[in-house]
C-alpha atoms as a PDB file:
ATOM      1  CA  MET A   1      -2.726   0.170  16.449  1.00  0.00           C
ATOM      2  CA  GLY A   2       0.647   1.429  17.626  1.00  0.00           C
ATOM      3  CA  ALA A   3       1.866   4.972  17.562  1.00  0.00           C
ATOM      4  CA  SER A   4       3.698   4.506  14.272  1.00  0.00           C
ATOM      5  CA  PHE A   5       3.698   2.258  11.214  1.00  0.00           C
ATOM      6  CA  LYS A   6       7.214   1.338  12.338  1.00  0.00           C
ATOM      7  CA  ASP A   7       5.601  -0.602  15.203  1.00  0.00           C
ATOM      8  CA  LEU A   8       3.872  -2.947  12.735  1.00  0.00           C
ATOM      9  CA  VAL A   9       5.638  -6.312  12.523  1.00  0.00           C
ATOM     10  CA  VAL A  10       4.440  -6.707   8.931  1.00  0.00           C
ATOM     11  CA  TRP A  11       6.136  -3.423   7.989  1.00  0.00           C
ATOM     12  CA  GLN A  12       9.331  -4.514   9.760  1.00  0.00           C
ATOM     13  CA  ARG A  13       9.338  -7.841   7.861  1.00  0.00           C
ATOM     14  CA  ALA A  14       8.640  -6.036   4.580  1.00  0.00           C
ATOM     15  CA  VAL A  15      11.688  -3.838   5.171  1.00  0.00           C
ATOM     16  CA  GLN A  16      13.765  -6.942   5.946  1.00  0.00           C
ATOM     17  CA  MET A  17      12.474  -8.500   2.731  1.00  0.00           C
ATOM     18  CA  SER A  18      13.454  -5.434   0.737  1.00  0.00           C
ATOM     19  CA  LEU A  19      16.953  -5.491   2.209  1.00  0.00           C
ATOM     20  CA  ALA A  20      17.222  -9.207   1.345  1.00  0.00           C
ATOM     21  CA  ILE A  21      16.103  -8.424  -2.223  1.00  0.00           C
ATOM     22  CA  TYR A  22      18.757  -5.717  -2.552  1.00  0.00           C
ATOM     23  CA  LYS A  23      21.437  -8.150  -1.364  1.00  0.00           C
ATOM     24  CA  LEU A  24      20.156 -10.887  -3.683  1.00  0.00           C
ATOM     25  CA  THR A  25      20.005  -8.657  -6.750  1.00  0.00           C
ATOM     26  CA  SER A  26      23.463  -7.192  -6.135  1.00  0.00           C
ATOM     27  CA  SER A  27      24.835 -10.391  -7.696  1.00  0.00           C
ATOM     28  CA  PHE A  28      22.525 -10.378 -10.737  1.00  0.00           C
ATOM     29  CA  PRO A  29      24.196  -9.862 -14.123  1.00  0.00           C
ATOM     30  CA  PRO A  30      24.885  -6.233 -15.086  1.00  0.00           C
ATOM     31  CA  SER A  31      22.615  -6.726 -18.105  1.00  0.00           C
ATOM     32  CA  GLU A  32      19.676  -7.031 -15.655  1.00  0.00           C
ATOM     33  CA  ARG A  33      20.345  -3.654 -13.987  1.00  0.00           C
ATOM     34  CA  PHE A  34      17.350  -2.060 -15.698  1.00  0.00           C
ATOM     35  CA  GLY A  35      15.393  -5.291 -15.956  1.00  0.00           C
ATOM     36  CA  LEU A  36      14.755  -7.857 -13.263  1.00  0.00           C
ATOM     37  CA  THR A  37      17.047  -6.183 -10.707  1.00  0.00           C
ATOM     38  CA  ASN A  38      15.149  -2.899 -10.957  1.00  0.00           C
ATOM     39  CA  GLN A  39      11.729  -4.600 -11.000  1.00  0.00           C
ATOM     40  CA  LEU A  40      12.433  -6.720  -7.933  1.00  0.00           C
ATOM     41  CA  ARG A  41      13.838  -3.807  -5.977  1.00  0.00           C
ATOM     42  CA  ARG A  42      10.974  -1.469  -6.830  1.00  0.00           C
ATOM     43  CA  ALA A  43       8.303  -4.068  -6.047  1.00  0.00           C
ATOM     44  CA  SER A  44       9.895  -4.965  -2.709  1.00  0.00           C
ATOM     45  CA  VAL A  45      10.195  -1.320  -1.649  1.00  0.00           C
ATOM     46  CA  SER A  46       6.574  -0.819  -2.680  1.00  0.00           C
ATOM     47  CA  VAL A  47       5.396  -3.443  -0.172  1.00  0.00           C
ATOM     48  CA  ALA A  48       6.719  -1.625   2.898  1.00  0.00           C
ATOM     49  CA  SER A  49       5.866   1.775   1.424  1.00  0.00           C
ATOM     50  CA  ASN A  50       2.219   0.864   0.839  1.00  0.00           C
ATOM     51  CA  ILE A  51       1.877  -0.545   4.358  1.00  0.00           C
ATOM     52  CA  ALA A  52       3.233   2.729   5.734  1.00  0.00           C
ATOM     53  CA  GLU A  53       1.095   4.901   3.466  1.00  0.00           C
ATOM     54  CA  GLY A  54      -2.062   2.977   4.310  1.00  0.00           C
ATOM     55  CA  TYR A  55      -1.310   3.300   8.001  1.00  0.00           C
ATOM     56  CA  GLY A  56      -1.096   7.060   7.561  1.00  0.00           C
ATOM     57  CA  ARG A  57      -4.461   7.354   5.831  1.00  0.00           C
ATOM     58  CA  SER A  58      -7.622   8.584   7.507  1.00  0.00           C
ATOM     59  CA  THR A  59      -9.995   5.639   7.172  1.00  0.00           C
ATOM     60  CA  LYS A  60      -9.986   1.875   7.571  1.00  0.00           C
ATOM     61  CA  GLY A  61     -11.107   1.584   3.954  1.00  0.00           C
ATOM     62  CA  GLU A  62      -8.061   3.495   2.747  1.00  0.00           C
ATOM     63  CA  TYR A  63      -5.819   1.405   4.983  1.00  0.00           C
ATOM     64  CA  LEU A  64      -7.263  -1.785   3.479  1.00  0.00           C
ATOM     65  CA  LEU A  65      -6.811  -0.407  -0.031  1.00  0.00           C
ATOM     66  CA  PHE A  66      -3.116   0.201   0.557  1.00  0.00           C
ATOM     67  CA  LEU A  67      -2.681  -3.181   2.230  1.00  0.00           C
ATOM     68  CA  GLY A  68      -4.135  -4.606  -0.979  1.00  0.00           C
ATOM     69  CA  HIS A  69      -1.560  -2.658  -2.997  1.00  0.00           C
ATOM     70  CA  ALA A  70       1.164  -4.044  -0.717  1.00  0.00           C
ATOM     71  CA  ARG A  71      -0.154  -7.567  -1.252  1.00  0.00           C
ATOM     72  CA  GLY A  72      -0.129  -7.063  -5.022  1.00  0.00           C
ATOM     73  CA  SER A  73       3.450  -5.809  -4.955  1.00  0.00           C
ATOM     74  CA  ASN A  74       4.416  -8.771  -2.813  1.00  0.00           C
ATOM     75  CA  CYS A  75       2.912 -11.100  -5.425  1.00  0.00           C
ATOM     76  CA  GLU A  76       5.086  -9.321  -8.004  1.00  0.00           C
ATOM     77  CA  VAL A  77       8.126 -10.024  -5.828  1.00  0.00           C
ATOM     78  CA  GLN A  78       7.220 -13.706  -5.571  1.00  0.00           C
ATOM     79  CA  THR A  79       6.762 -13.987  -9.342  1.00  0.00           C
ATOM     80  CA  GLN A  80      10.066 -12.252 -10.043  1.00  0.00           C
ATOM     81  CA  LEU A  81      11.851 -14.511  -7.568  1.00  0.00           C
ATOM     82  CA  VAL A  82      10.538 -17.547  -9.484  1.00  0.00           C
ATOM     83  CA  ILE A  83      11.850 -16.030 -12.718  1.00  0.00           C
ATOM     84  CA  SER A  84      15.233 -15.187 -11.192  1.00  0.00           C
ATOM     85  CA  GLU A  85      15.538 -18.755  -9.922  1.00  0.00           C
ATOM     86  CA  ALA A  86      14.686 -20.174 -13.351  1.00  0.00           C
ATOM     87  CA  LEU A  87      17.372 -17.955 -14.876  1.00  0.00           C
ATOM     88  CA  GLY A  88      19.913 -18.997 -12.247  1.00  0.00           C
ATOM     89  CA  PHE A  89      20.387 -15.475 -10.890  1.00  0.00           C
ATOM     90  CA  GLY A  90      21.642 -14.964  -7.338  1.00  0.00           C
ATOM     91  CA  SER A  91      22.600 -17.473  -4.706  1.00  0.00           C
ATOM     92  CA  GLU A  92      20.082 -20.055  -3.579  1.00  0.00           C
ATOM     93  CA  GLN A  93      20.575 -19.050   0.059  1.00  0.00           C
ATOM     94  CA  SER A  94      19.843 -15.368  -0.641  1.00  0.00           C
ATOM     95  CA  ARG A  95      16.841 -16.247  -2.777  1.00  0.00           C
ATOM     96  CA  ARG A  96      15.421 -18.599  -0.119  1.00  0.00           C
ATOM     97  CA  LEU A  97      15.703 -15.864   2.519  1.00  0.00           C
ATOM     98  CA  ALA A  98      13.874 -13.382   0.283  1.00  0.00           C
ATOM     99  CA  GLU A  99      11.202 -15.981  -0.542  1.00  0.00           C
ATOM    100  CA  SER A 100      10.723 -16.856   3.119  1.00  0.00           C
ATOM    101  CA  LEU A 101      10.299 -13.220   4.122  1.00  0.00           C
ATOM    102  CA  SER A 102       7.919 -12.616   1.220  1.00  0.00           C
ATOM    103  CA  CYS A 103       5.766 -15.578   2.261  1.00  0.00           C
ATOM    104  CA  GLU A 104       5.722 -14.350   5.856  1.00  0.00           C
ATOM    105  CA  VAL A 105       4.692 -10.857   4.737  1.00  0.00           C
ATOM    106  CA  SER A 106       1.967 -12.380   2.569  1.00  0.00           C
ATOM    107  CA  ARG A 107       0.492 -14.357   5.458  1.00  0.00           C
ATOM    108  CA  MET A 108       0.592 -11.299   7.719  1.00  0.00           C
ATOM    109  CA  LEU A 109      -1.069  -9.049   5.140  1.00  0.00           C
ATOM    110  CA  VAL A 110      -3.886 -11.538   4.575  1.00  0.00           C
ATOM    111  CA  ALA A 111      -4.418 -11.898   8.330  1.00  0.00           C
ATOM    112  CA  ILE A 112      -4.509  -8.124   8.890  1.00  0.00           C
ATOM    113  CA  MET A 113      -6.855  -7.603   5.960  1.00  0.00           C
ATOM    114  CA  ASN A 114      -9.207 -10.354   7.131  1.00  0.00           C
ATOM    115  CA  LYS A 115      -9.223  -9.013  10.684  1.00  0.00           C
ATOM    116  CA  SER A 116      -9.800  -5.424   9.509  1.00  0.00           C
ATOM    117  CA  GLN A 117     -12.743  -6.379   7.283  1.00  0.00           C
ATOM    118  CA  ARG A 118     -14.772  -7.769  10.198  1.00  0.00           C
END
């Protein structure tokens, strides 16, 4: 592994995803401030945060545990993006970018987890 969690491409993409989520949700209705906007933002931040926290842990088992938490939060993001689309919240372009980054992060997490479990 690199010298820092910041060297991990999956962490970098997760941060990009979170930034895309913030931009997307900035156009959500004010009534969603404490609802879907807050949920999406918190879940997206949790993805990158769990990758970083797992990287900082002492054992491979702990690292895998936190990658699993990141994967779960990313699944939350994907679900909430489906709901936001169904409700017509945010621009299609912004939502597609967030979805694309989320899918990329998902594939990377699965690959890292599979490789680490060998």
